[in-house]
Amino acid sequence: MVTEEDVRNQLKEVMDPELDINIVDLGLIYEVDVDDEGHVDILMTLTTPGCPLHGVFDEMVKREVGKIEEVDERDIEVELTFEPRWSPEKMSDEARDELGHLPGMQGF
């Protein structure tokens, strides 16, 4: 059976095209729920509400999670939310280290 950890690990293959860091380490994945029938619900956010790539992320997430053998892409639901808003504090230590050189990222 597919687990939340399986899904999160697969989602590490989805890179934010502007920051070149995966969406899990960026802290964009808020919740992953996998039921007994293999349906996967993902609650995620974007770095900004006006992100021009919002439609692309939905497709990228579904495509990547659909690569898990036990998951059918048709059984994946992706919901975008902006509550709570994303902030750099949601990033993993590794992502913060990679982005620490960017203006405005010092101190996180």
PDB file of N, CA and C in Angstrom:
ATOM      1  N   MET A   1       0.836  -1.188   0.000  1.00  0.00           N
ATOM      2  CA  MET A   1       0.000   0.000   0.000  1.00  0.00           C
ATOM      3  C   MET A   1       0.883   1.256   0.000  1.00  0.00           C
ATOM      4  N   VAL A   2       0.466   2.244  -0.714  1.00  0.00           N
ATOM      5  CA  VAL A   2       1.185   3.512  -0.815  1.00  0.00           C
ATOM      6  C   VAL A   2       1.012   4.295   0.483  1.00  0.00           C
ATOM      7  N   THR A   3       2.087   4.923   0.922  1.00  0.00           N
ATOM      8  CA  THR A   3       2.045   5.709   2.150  1.00  0.00           C
ATOM      9  C   THR A   3       2.259   7.192   1.841  1.00  0.00           C
ATOM     10  N   GLU A   4       1.988   8.016   2.838  1.00  0.00           N
ATOM     11  CA  GLU A   4       2.256   9.447   2.718  1.00  0.00           C
ATOM     12  C   GLU A   4       3.741   9.677   2.424  1.00  0.00           C
ATOM     13  N   GLU A   5       4.590   8.918   3.076  1.00  0.00           N
ATOM     14  CA  GLU A   5       6.031   9.050   2.853  1.00  0.00           C
ATOM     15  C   GLU A   5       6.405   8.725   1.409  1.00  0.00           C
ATOM     16  N   ASP A   6       5.769   7.692   0.827  1.00  0.00           N
ATOM     17  CA  ASP A   6       6.019   7.357  -0.580  1.00  0.00           C
ATOM     18  C   ASP A   6       5.686   8.550  -1.475  1.00  0.00           C
ATOM     19  N   VAL A   7       4.543   9.163  -1.214  1.00  0.00           N
ATOM     20  CA  VAL A   7       4.100  10.296  -2.031  1.00  0.00           C
ATOM     21  C   VAL A   7       5.044  11.476  -1.856  1.00  0.00           C
ATOM     22  N   ARG A   8       5.396  11.791  -0.619  1.00  0.00           N
ATOM     23  CA  ARG A   8       6.303  12.920  -0.374  1.00  0.00           C
ATOM     24  C   ARG A   8       7.669  12.677  -1.028  1.00  0.00           C
ATOM     25  N   ASN A   9       8.163  11.462  -0.946  1.00  0.00           N
ATOM     26  CA  ASN A   9       9.444  11.151  -1.589  1.00  0.00           C
ATOM     27  C   ASN A   9       9.360  11.333  -3.102  1.00  0.00           C
ATOM     28  N   GLN A  10       8.254  10.902  -3.707  1.00  0.00           N
ATOM     29  CA  GLN A  10       8.089  11.067  -5.150  1.00  0.00           C
ATOM     30  C   GLN A  10       7.972  12.547  -5.517  1.00  0.00           C
ATOM     31  N   LEU A  11       7.316  13.317  -4.652  1.00  0.00           N
ATOM     32  CA  LEU A  11       7.151  14.748  -4.918  1.00  0.00           C
ATOM     33  C   LEU A  11       8.464  15.516  -4.847  1.00  0.00           C
ATOM     34  N   LYS A  12       9.481  14.930  -4.272  1.00  0.00           N
ATOM     35  CA  LYS A  12      10.790  15.587  -4.253  1.00  0.00           C
ATOM     36  C   LYS A  12      11.387  15.672  -5.661  1.00  0.00           C
ATOM     37  N   GLU A  13      10.764  14.983  -6.610  1.00  0.00           N
ATOM     38  CA  GLU A  13      11.204  15.062  -8.009  1.00  0.00           C
ATOM     39  C   GLU A  13      10.618  16.282  -8.723  1.00  0.00           C
ATOM     40  N   VAL A  14       9.635  16.948  -8.095  1.00  0.00           N
ATOM     41  CA  VAL A  14       9.011  18.129  -8.700  1.00  0.00           C
ATOM     42  C   VAL A  14       9.786  19.356  -8.234  1.00  0.00           C
ATOM     43  N   MET A  15      10.426  20.002  -9.187  1.00  0.00           N
ATOM     44  CA  MET A  15      11.262  21.156  -8.872  1.00  0.00           C
ATOM     45  C   MET A  15      10.523  22.457  -9.165  1.00  0.00           C
ATOM     46  N   ASP A  16      10.691  23.424  -8.284  1.00  0.00           N
ATOM     47  CA  ASP A  16      10.204  24.766  -8.560  1.00  0.00           C
ATOM     48  C   ASP A  16      11.100  25.312  -9.665  1.00  0.00           C
ATOM     49  N   PRO A  17      10.521  25.641 -10.825  1.00  0.00           N
ATOM     50  CA  PRO A  17      11.359  26.047 -11.962  1.00  0.00           C
ATOM     51  C   PRO A  17      12.116  27.352 -11.741  1.00  0.00           C
ATOM     52  N   GLU A  18      11.636  28.200 -10.855  1.00  0.00           N
ATOM     53  CA  GLU A  18      12.334  29.461 -10.622  1.00  0.00           C
ATOM     54  C   GLU A  18      13.448  29.318  -9.590  1.00  0.00           C
ATOM     55  N   LEU A  19      13.239  28.469  -8.586  1.00  0.00           N
ATOM     56  CA  LEU A  19      14.208  28.342  -7.496  1.00  0.00           C
ATOM     57  C   LEU A  19      15.080  27.103  -7.612  1.00  0.00           C
ATOM     58  N   ASP A  20      14.685  26.150  -8.456  1.00  0.00           N
ATOM     59  CA  ASP A  20      15.412  24.902  -8.668  1.00  0.00           C
ATOM     60  C   ASP A  20      15.607  24.110  -7.368  1.00  0.00           C
ATOM     61  N   ILE A  21      14.561  24.109  -6.551  1.00  0.00           N
ATOM     62  CA  ILE A  21      14.508  23.319  -5.314  1.00  0.00           C
ATOM     63  C   ILE A  21      13.184  22.581  -5.341  1.00  0.00           C
ATOM     64  N   ASN A  22      13.183  21.342  -4.830  1.00  0.00           N
ATOM     65  CA  ASN A  22      11.946  20.569  -4.902  1.00  0.00           C
ATOM     66  C   ASN A  22      10.866  21.158  -3.995  1.00  0.00           C
ATOM     67  N   ILE A  23       9.618  20.897  -4.360  1.00  0.00           N
ATOM     68  CA  ILE A  23       8.480  21.509  -3.679  1.00  0.00           C
ATOM     69  C   ILE A  23       8.278  20.998  -2.258  1.00  0.00           C
ATOM     70  N   VAL A  24       8.815  19.821  -1.948  1.00  0.00           N
ATOM     71  CA  VAL A  24       8.713  19.315  -0.574  1.00  0.00           C
ATOM     72  C   VAL A  24       9.653  20.104   0.327  1.00  0.00           C
ATOM     73  N   ASP A  25      10.912  20.230  -0.079  1.00  0.00           N
ATOM     74  CA  ASP A  25      11.878  20.974   0.736  1.00  0.00           C
ATOM     75  C   ASP A  25      11.549  22.462   0.809  1.00  0.00           C
ATOM     76  N   LEU A  26      10.861  22.971  -0.190  1.00  0.00           N
ATOM     77  CA  LEU A  26      10.418  24.371  -0.131  1.00  0.00           C
ATOM     78  C   LEU A  26       9.290  24.565   0.877  1.00  0.00           C
ATOM     79  N   GLY A  27       8.656  23.472   1.286  1.00  0.00           N
ATOM     80  CA  GLY A  27       7.558  23.580   2.247  1.00  0.00           C
ATOM     81  C   GLY A  27       6.223  23.877   1.589  1.00  0.00           C
ATOM     82  N   LEU A  28       6.103  23.574   0.297  1.00  0.00           N
ATOM     83  CA  LEU A  28       4.861  23.858  -0.422  1.00  0.00           C
ATOM     84  C   LEU A  28       3.803  22.773  -0.234  1.00  0.00           C
ATOM     85  N   ILE A  29       4.197  21.602   0.224  1.00  0.00           N
ATOM     86  CA  ILE A  29       3.248  20.509   0.440  1.00  0.00           C
ATOM     87  C   ILE A  29       2.791  20.558   1.893  1.00  0.00           C
ATOM     88  N   TYR A  30       1.529  20.900   2.108  1.00  0.00           N
ATOM     89  CA  TYR A  30       0.995  21.019   3.465  1.00  0.00           C
ATOM     90  C   TYR A  30       0.476  19.683   3.989  1.00  0.00           C
ATOM     91  N   GLU A  31      -0.273  18.959   3.172  1.00  0.00           N
ATOM     92  CA  GLU A  31      -0.851  17.692   3.622  1.00  0.00           C
ATOM     93  C   GLU A  31      -0.867  16.689   2.478  1.00  0.00           C
ATOM     94  N   VAL A  32      -0.693  15.422   2.849  1.00  0.00           N
ATOM     95  CA  VAL A  32      -0.842  14.315   1.910  1.00  0.00           C
ATOM     96  C   VAL A  32      -1.697  13.276   2.611  1.00  0.00           C
ATOM     97  N   ASP A  33      -2.778  12.872   1.966  1.00  0.00           N
ATOM     98  CA  ASP A  33      -3.655  11.849   2.525  1.00  0.00           C
ATOM     99  C   ASP A  33      -3.825  10.745   1.488  1.00  0.00           C
ATOM    100  N   VAL A  34      -3.534   9.520   1.892  1.00  0.00           N
ATOM    101  CA  VAL A  34      -3.700   8.364   1.017  1.00  0.00           C
ATOM    102  C   VAL A  34      -4.701   7.440   1.688  1.00  0.00           C
ATOM    103  N   ASP A  35      -5.799   7.123   0.993  1.00  0.00           N
ATOM    104  CA  ASP A  35      -6.777   6.218   1.600  1.00  0.00           C
ATOM    105  C   ASP A  35      -6.505   4.767   1.207  1.00  0.00           C
ATOM    106  N   ASP A  36      -7.293   3.869   1.758  1.00  0.00           N
ATOM    107  CA  ASP A  36      -7.094   2.431   1.546  1.00  0.00           C
ATOM    108  C   ASP A  36      -7.286   2.004   0.092  1.00  0.00           C
ATOM    109  N   GLU A  37      -7.980   2.814  -0.686  1.00  0.00           N
ATOM    110  CA  GLU A  37      -8.238   2.470  -2.083  1.00  0.00           C
ATOM    111  C   GLU A  37      -7.213   3.088  -3.033  1.00  0.00           C
ATOM    112  N   GLY A  38      -6.228   3.783  -2.483  1.00  0.00           N
ATOM    113  CA  GLY A  38      -5.177   4.360  -3.315  1.00  0.00           C
ATOM    114  C   GLY A  38      -5.457   5.763  -3.817  1.00  0.00           C
ATOM    115  N   HIS A  39      -6.520   6.396  -3.312  1.00  0.00           N
ATOM    116  CA  HIS A  39      -6.767   7.790  -3.673  1.00  0.00           C
ATOM    117  C   HIS A  39      -5.795   8.672  -2.897  1.00  0.00           C
ATOM    118  N   VAL A  40      -5.249   9.651  -3.590  1.00  0.00           N
ATOM    119  CA  VAL A  40      -4.265  10.540  -2.977  1.00  0.00           C
ATOM    120  C   VAL A  40      -4.790  11.971  -3.051  1.00  0.00           C
ATOM    121  N   ASP A  41      -4.895  12.601  -1.882  1.00  0.00           N
ATOM    122  CA  ASP A  41      -5.283  14.008  -1.795  1.00  0.00           C
ATOM    123  C   ASP A  41      -4.083  14.797  -1.309  1.00  0.00           C
ATOM    124  N   ILE A  42      -3.759  15.860  -2.034  1.00  0.00           N
ATOM    125  CA  ILE A  42      -2.599  16.683  -1.708  1.00  0.00           C
ATOM    126  C   ILE A  42      -3.061  18.119  -1.529  1.00  0.00           C
ATOM    127  N   LEU A  43      -2.735  18.686  -0.385  1.00  0.00           N
ATOM    128  CA  LEU A  43      -3.005  20.091  -0.119  1.00  0.00           C
ATOM    129  C   LEU A  43      -1.665  20.800  -0.191  1.00  0.00           C
ATOM    130  N   MET A  44      -1.588  21.771  -1.080  1.00  0.00           N
ATOM    131  CA  MET A  44      -0.314  22.469  -1.267  1.00  0.00           C
ATOM    132  C   MET A  44      -0.545  23.951  -1.475  1.00  0.00           C
ATOM    133  N   THR A  45       0.529  24.672  -1.441  1.00  0.00           N
ATOM    134  CA  THR A  45       0.489  26.102  -1.682  1.00  0.00           C
ATOM    135  C   THR A  45       1.559  26.458  -2.699  1.00  0.00           C
ATOM    136  N   LEU A  46       1.663  27.717  -2.990  1.00  0.00           N
ATOM    137  CA  LEU A  46       2.708  28.247  -3.863  1.00  0.00           C
ATOM    138  C   LEU A  46       3.431  29.344  -3.095  1.00  0.00           C
ATOM    139  N   THR A  47       4.596  29.732  -3.561  1.00  0.00           N
ATOM    140  CA  THR A  47       5.351  30.755  -2.841  1.00  0.00           C
ATOM    141  C   THR A  47       4.640  32.094  -2.839  1.00  0.00           C
ATOM    142  N   THR A  48       3.849  32.366  -3.878  1.00  0.00           N
ATOM    143  CA  THR A  48       3.049  33.595  -3.928  1.00  0.00           C
ATOM    144  C   THR A  48       1.700  33.294  -4.551  1.00  0.00           C
ATOM    145  N   PRO A  49       0.629  33.946  -4.076  1.00  0.00           N
ATOM    146  CA  PRO A  49      -0.700  33.697  -4.656  1.00  0.00           C
ATOM    147  C   PRO A  49      -0.786  34.014  -6.141  1.00  0.00           C
ATOM    148  N   GLY A  50      -0.004  34.947  -6.621  1.00  0.00           N
ATOM    149  CA  GLY A  50      -0.056  35.331  -8.027  1.00  0.00           C
ATOM    150  C   GLY A  50       0.898  34.554  -8.916  1.00  0.00           C
ATOM    151  N   CYS A  51       1.412  33.454  -8.415  1.00  0.00           N
ATOM    152  CA  CYS A  51       2.386  32.674  -9.178  1.00  0.00           C
ATOM    153  C   CYS A  51       1.806  32.305 -10.545  1.00  0.00           C
ATOM    154  N   PRO A  52       2.482  32.672 -11.627  1.00  0.00           N
ATOM    155  CA  PRO A  52       1.949  32.383 -12.960  1.00  0.00           C
ATOM    156  C   PRO A  52       1.989  30.894 -13.321  1.00  0.00           C
ATOM    157  N   LEU A  53       2.632  30.081 -12.494  1.00  0.00           N
ATOM    158  CA  LEU A  53       2.777  28.662 -12.794  1.00  0.00           C
ATOM    159  C   LEU A  53       1.782  27.781 -12.040  1.00  0.00           C
ATOM    160  N   HIS A  54       0.746  28.388 -11.438  1.00  0.00           N
ATOM    161  CA  HIS A  54      -0.158  27.596 -10.589  1.00  0.00           C
ATOM    162  C   HIS A  54      -0.786  26.424 -11.332  1.00  0.00           C
ATOM    163  N   GLY A  55      -1.178  26.585 -12.566  1.00  0.00           N
ATOM    164  CA  GLY A  55      -1.765  25.485 -13.325  1.00  0.00           C
ATOM    165  C   GLY A  55      -0.756  24.411 -13.693  1.00  0.00           C
ATOM    166  N   VAL A  56       0.480  24.813 -13.855  1.00  0.00           N
ATOM    167  CA  VAL A  56       1.546  23.887 -14.206  1.00  0.00           C
ATOM    168  C   VAL A  56       1.872  22.969 -13.029  1.00  0.00           C
ATOM    169  N   PHE A  57       1.883  23.513 -11.812  1.00  0.00           N
ATOM    170  CA  PHE A  57       2.210  22.706 -10.640  1.00  0.00           C
ATOM    171  C   PHE A  57       1.204  21.581 -10.436  1.00  0.00           C
ATOM    172  N   ASP A  58      -0.065  21.865 -10.623  1.00  0.00           N
ATOM    173  CA  ASP A  58      -1.100  20.839 -10.482  1.00  0.00           C
ATOM    174  C   ASP A  58      -0.795  19.664 -11.401  1.00  0.00           C
ATOM    175  N   GLU A  59      -0.489  19.959 -12.645  1.00  0.00           N
ATOM    176  CA  GLU A  59      -0.172  18.920 -13.633  1.00  0.00           C
ATOM    177  C   GLU A  59       1.121  18.186 -13.282  1.00  0.00           C
ATOM    178  N   MET A  60       2.140  18.925 -12.873  1.00  0.00           N
ATOM    179  CA  MET A  60       3.419  18.310 -12.522  1.00  0.00           C
ATOM    180  C   MET A  60       3.276  17.378 -11.317  1.00  0.00           C
ATOM    181  N   VAL A  61       2.525  17.796 -10.319  1.00  0.00           N
ATOM    182  CA  VAL A  61       2.314  16.982  -9.118  1.00  0.00           C
ATOM    183  C   VAL A  61       1.569  15.699  -9.471  1.00  0.00           C
ATOM    184  N   LYS A  62       0.496  15.813 -10.235  1.00  0.00           N
ATOM    185  CA  LYS A  62      -0.270  14.621 -10.618  1.00  0.00           C
ATOM    186  C   LYS A  62       0.579  13.661 -11.444  1.00  0.00           C
ATOM    187  N   ARG A  63       1.323  14.193 -12.381  1.00  0.00           N
ATOM    188  CA  ARG A  63       2.158  13.348 -13.238  1.00  0.00           C
ATOM    189  C   ARG A  63       3.201  12.604 -12.408  1.00  0.00           C
ATOM    190  N   GLU A  64       3.834  13.305 -11.483  1.00  0.00           N
ATOM    191  CA  GLU A  64       4.908  12.686 -10.695  1.00  0.00           C
ATOM    192  C   GLU A  64       4.352  11.643  -9.729  1.00  0.00           C
ATOM    193  N   VAL A  65       3.288  11.952  -9.019  1.00  0.00           N
ATOM    194  CA  VAL A  65       2.706  10.979  -8.081  1.00  0.00           C
ATOM    195  C   VAL A  65       2.140   9.787  -8.853  1.00  0.00           C
ATOM    196  N   GLY A  66       1.644  10.029 -10.053  1.00  0.00           N
ATOM    197  CA  GLY A  66       1.130   8.949 -10.894  1.00  0.00           C
ATOM    198  C   GLY A  66       2.197   7.954 -11.315  1.00  0.00           C
ATOM    199  N   LYS A  67       3.467   8.286 -11.124  1.00  0.00           N
ATOM    200  CA  LYS A  67       4.557   7.362 -11.434  1.00  0.00           C
ATOM    201  C   LYS A  67       4.698   6.266 -10.378  1.00  0.00           C
ATOM    202  N   ILE A  68       4.071   6.465  -9.216  1.00  0.00           N
ATOM    203  CA  ILE A  68       4.086   5.421  -8.192  1.00  0.00           C
ATOM    204  C   ILE A  68       3.221   4.284  -8.705  1.00  0.00           C
ATOM    205  N   GLU A  69       3.760   3.084  -8.686  1.00  0.00           N
ATOM    206  CA  GLU A  69       3.119   1.929  -9.317  1.00  0.00           C
ATOM    207  C   GLU A  69       1.671   1.713  -8.878  1.00  0.00           C
ATOM    208  N   GLU A  70       1.393   1.875  -7.603  1.00  0.00           N
ATOM    209  CA  GLU A  70       0.048   1.593  -7.092  1.00  0.00           C
ATOM    210  C   GLU A  70      -0.930   2.757  -7.230  1.00  0.00           C
ATOM    211  N   VAL A  71      -0.513   3.855  -7.837  1.00  0.00           N
ATOM    212  CA  VAL A  71      -1.361   5.043  -7.919  1.00  0.00           C
ATOM    213  C   VAL A  71      -1.741   5.322  -9.365  1.00  0.00           C
ATOM    214  N   ASP A  72      -3.029   5.544  -9.573  1.00  0.00           N
ATOM    215  CA  ASP A  72      -3.538   5.944 -10.882  1.00  0.00           C
ATOM    216  C   ASP A  72      -3.671   7.466 -10.872  1.00  0.00           C
ATOM    217  N   GLU A  73      -3.141   8.107 -11.870  1.00  0.00           N
ATOM    218  CA  GLU A  73      -3.176   9.575 -11.933  1.00  0.00           C
ATOM    219  C   GLU A  73      -4.594  10.128 -11.799  1.00  0.00           C
ATOM    220  N   ARG A  74      -5.578   9.358 -12.218  1.00  0.00           N
ATOM    221  CA  ARG A  74      -6.978   9.806 -12.108  1.00  0.00           C
ATOM    222  C   ARG A  74      -7.461   9.821 -10.662  1.00  0.00           C
ATOM    223  N   ASP A  75      -6.719   9.173  -9.759  1.00  0.00           N
ATOM    224  CA  ASP A  75      -7.101   9.110  -8.350  1.00  0.00           C
ATOM    225  C   ASP A  75      -6.336  10.116  -7.493  1.00  0.00           C
ATOM    226  N   ILE A  76      -5.770  11.116  -8.130  1.00  0.00           N
ATOM    227  CA  ILE A  76      -4.994  12.131  -7.417  1.00  0.00           C
ATOM    228  C   ILE A  76      -5.751  13.458  -7.476  1.00  0.00           C
ATOM    229  N   GLU A  77      -5.960  14.046  -6.307  1.00  0.00           N
ATOM    230  CA  GLU A  77      -6.583  15.368  -6.220  1.00  0.00           C
ATOM    231  C   GLU A  77      -5.576  16.337  -5.625  1.00  0.00           C
ATOM    232  N   VAL A  78      -5.398  17.456  -6.279  1.00  0.00           N
ATOM    233  CA  VAL A  78      -4.492  18.489  -5.782  1.00  0.00           C
ATOM    234  C   VAL A  78      -5.318  19.725  -5.492  1.00  0.00           C
ATOM    235  N   GLU A  79      -5.212  20.199  -4.256  1.00  0.00           N
ATOM    236  CA  GLU A  79      -5.924  21.416  -3.863  1.00  0.00           C
ATOM    237  C   GLU A  79      -4.899  22.471  -3.490  1.00  0.00           C
ATOM    238  N   LEU A  80      -5.042  23.659  -4.061  1.00  0.00           N
ATOM    239  CA  LEU A  80      -4.173  24.783  -3.727  1.00  0.00           C
ATOM    240  C   LEU A  80      -4.826  25.613  -2.634  1.00  0.00           C
ATOM    241  N   THR A  81      -4.021  26.041  -1.690  1.00  0.00           N
ATOM    242  CA  THR A  81      -4.506  26.917  -0.638  1.00  0.00           C
ATOM    243  C   THR A  81      -3.474  28.006  -0.385  1.00  0.00           C
ATOM    244  N   PHE A  82      -3.912  29.093   0.154  1.00  0.00           N
ATOM    245  CA  PHE A  82      -2.987  30.157   0.541  1.00  0.00           C
ATOM    246  C   PHE A  82      -3.173  30.496   2.015  1.00  0.00           C
ATOM    247  N   GLU A  83      -3.787  29.575   2.739  1.00  0.00           N
ATOM    248  CA  GLU A  83      -3.963  29.693   4.186  1.00  0.00           C
ATOM    249  C   GLU A  83      -3.422  28.447   4.835  1.00  0.00           C
ATOM    250  N   PRO A  84      -2.398  28.519   5.607  1.00  0.00           N
ATOM    251  CA  PRO A  84      -1.606  29.721   5.850  1.00  0.00           C
ATOM    252  C   PRO A  84      -0.722  30.036   4.654  1.00  0.00           C
ATOM    253  N   ARG A  85      -0.379  31.296   4.555  1.00  0.00           N
ATOM    254  CA  ARG A  85       0.510  31.728   3.472  1.00  0.00           C
ATOM    255  C   ARG A  85       1.876  31.096   3.646  1.00  0.00           C
ATOM    256  N   TRP A  86       2.508  30.797   2.527  1.00  0.00           N
ATOM    257  CA  TRP A  86       3.852  30.254   2.553  1.00  0.00           C
ATOM    258  C   TRP A  86       4.830  31.325   3.013  1.00  0.00           C
ATOM    259  N   SER A  87       5.845  30.898   3.748  1.00  0.00           N
ATOM    260  CA  SER A  87       6.940  31.784   4.134  1.00  0.00           C
ATOM    261  C   SER A  87       8.219  30.954   4.158  1.00  0.00           C
ATOM    262  N   PRO A  88       9.370  31.588   4.106  1.00  0.00           N
ATOM    263  CA  PRO A  88      10.636  30.850   4.100  1.00  0.00           C
ATOM    264  C   PRO A  88      10.825  29.937   5.313  1.00  0.00           C
ATOM    265  N   GLU A  89      10.140  30.201   6.411  1.00  0.00           N
ATOM    266  CA  GLU A  89      10.259  29.351   7.593  1.00  0.00           C
ATOM    267  C   GLU A  89       9.759  27.935   7.329  1.00  0.00           C
ATOM    268  N   LYS A  90       8.957  27.735   6.303  1.00  0.00           N
ATOM    269  CA  LYS A  90       8.403  26.424   5.981  1.00  0.00           C
ATOM    270  C   LYS A  90       9.403  25.533   5.236  1.00  0.00           C
ATOM    271  N   MET A  91      10.518  26.112   4.807  1.00  0.00           N
ATOM    272  CA  MET A  91      11.510  25.356   4.041  1.00  0.00           C
ATOM    273  C   MET A  91      12.325  24.435   4.950  1.00  0.00           C
ATOM    274  N   SER A  92      12.840  23.365   4.350  1.00  0.00           N
ATOM    275  CA  SER A  92      13.765  22.491   5.068  1.00  0.00           C
ATOM    276  C   SER A  92      15.088  23.233   5.260  1.00  0.00           C
ATOM    277  N   ASP A  93      15.900  22.746   6.185  1.00  0.00           N
ATOM    278  CA  ASP A  93      17.222  23.347   6.404  1.00  0.00           C
ATOM    279  C   ASP A  93      18.050  23.319   5.128  1.00  0.00           C
ATOM    280  N   GLU A  94      17.932  22.209   4.367  1.00  0.00           N
ATOM    281  CA  GLU A  94      18.701  22.086   3.130  1.00  0.00           C
ATOM    282  C   GLU A  94      18.296  23.158   2.122  1.00  0.00           C
ATOM    283  N   ALA A  95      16.999  23.404   2.002  1.00  0.00           N
ATOM    284  CA  ALA A  95      16.526  24.431   1.067  1.00  0.00           C
ATOM    285  C   ALA A  95      16.981  25.811   1.517  1.00  0.00           C
ATOM    286  N   ARG A  96      16.908  26.071   2.822  1.00  0.00           N
ATOM    287  CA  ARG A  96      17.367  27.363   3.331  1.00  0.00           C
ATOM    288  C   ARG A  96      18.855  27.567   3.044  1.00  0.00           C
ATOM    289  N   ASP A  97      19.630  26.500   3.211  1.00  0.00           N
ATOM    290  CA  ASP A  97      21.060  26.602   2.923  1.00  0.00           C
ATOM    291  C   ASP A  97      21.298  26.937   1.454  1.00  0.00           C
ATOM    292  N   GLU A  98      20.526  26.313   0.562  1.00  0.00           N
ATOM    293  CA  GLU A  98      20.694  26.567  -0.872  1.00  0.00           C
ATOM    294  C   GLU A  98      20.282  27.979  -1.254  1.00  0.00           C
ATOM    295  N   LEU A  99      19.234  28.492  -0.616  1.00  0.00           N
ATOM    296  CA  LEU A  99      18.722  29.813  -0.977  1.00  0.00           C
ATOM    297  C   LEU A  99      19.300  30.935  -0.130  1.00  0.00           C
ATOM    298  N   GLY A 100      20.092  30.612   0.856  1.00  0.00           N
ATOM    299  CA  GLY A 100      20.602  31.614   1.784  1.00  0.00           C
ATOM    300  C   GLY A 100      21.377  32.743   1.147  1.00  0.00           C
ATOM    301  N   HIS A 101      21.877  32.501  -0.051  1.00  0.00           N
ATOM    302  CA  HIS A 101      22.655  33.530  -0.734  1.00  0.00           C
ATOM    303  C   HIS A 101      21.776  34.538  -1.466  1.00  0.00           C
ATOM    304  N   LEU A 102      20.474  34.277  -1.556  1.00  0.00           N
ATOM    305  CA  LEU A 102      19.581  35.191  -2.283  1.00  0.00           C
ATOM    306  C   LEU A 102      19.177  36.371  -1.405  1.00  0.00           C
ATOM    307  N   PRO A 103      18.998  37.557  -1.992  1.00  0.00           N
ATOM    308  CA  PRO A 103      18.576  38.712  -1.218  1.00  0.00           C
ATOM    309  C   PRO A 103      17.262  38.430  -0.478  1.00  0.00           C
ATOM    310  N   GLY A 104      17.182  38.829   0.749  1.00  0.00           N
ATOM    311  CA  GLY A 104      15.979  38.645   1.531  1.00  0.00           C
ATOM    312  C   GLY A 104      15.887  37.303   2.227  1.00  0.00           C
ATOM    313  N   MET A 105      16.824  36.397   1.966  1.00  0.00           N
ATOM    314  CA  MET A 105      16.757  35.063   2.548  1.00  0.00           C
ATOM    315  C   MET A 105      17.700  34.905   3.752  1.00  0.00           C
ATOM    316  N   GLN A 106      18.501  35.883   4.027  1.00  0.00           N
ATOM    317  CA  GLN A 106      19.402  35.771   5.174  1.00  0.00           C
ATOM    318  C   GLN A 106      18.570  35.797   6.448  1.00  0.00           C
ATOM    319  N   GLY A 107      18.969  34.985   7.409  1.00  0.00           N
ATOM    320  CA  GLY A 107      18.274  34.978   8.691  1.00  0.00           C
ATOM    321  C   GLY A 107      17.190  33.929   8.792  1.00  0.00           C
ATOM    322  N   PHE A 108      16.954  33.151   7.729  1.00  0.00           N
ATOM    323  CA  PHE A 108      15.919  32.113   7.799  1.00  0.00           C
ATOM    324  C   PHE A 108      16.540  30.765   7.976  1.00  0.00           C
TER     325      PHE A 108
END
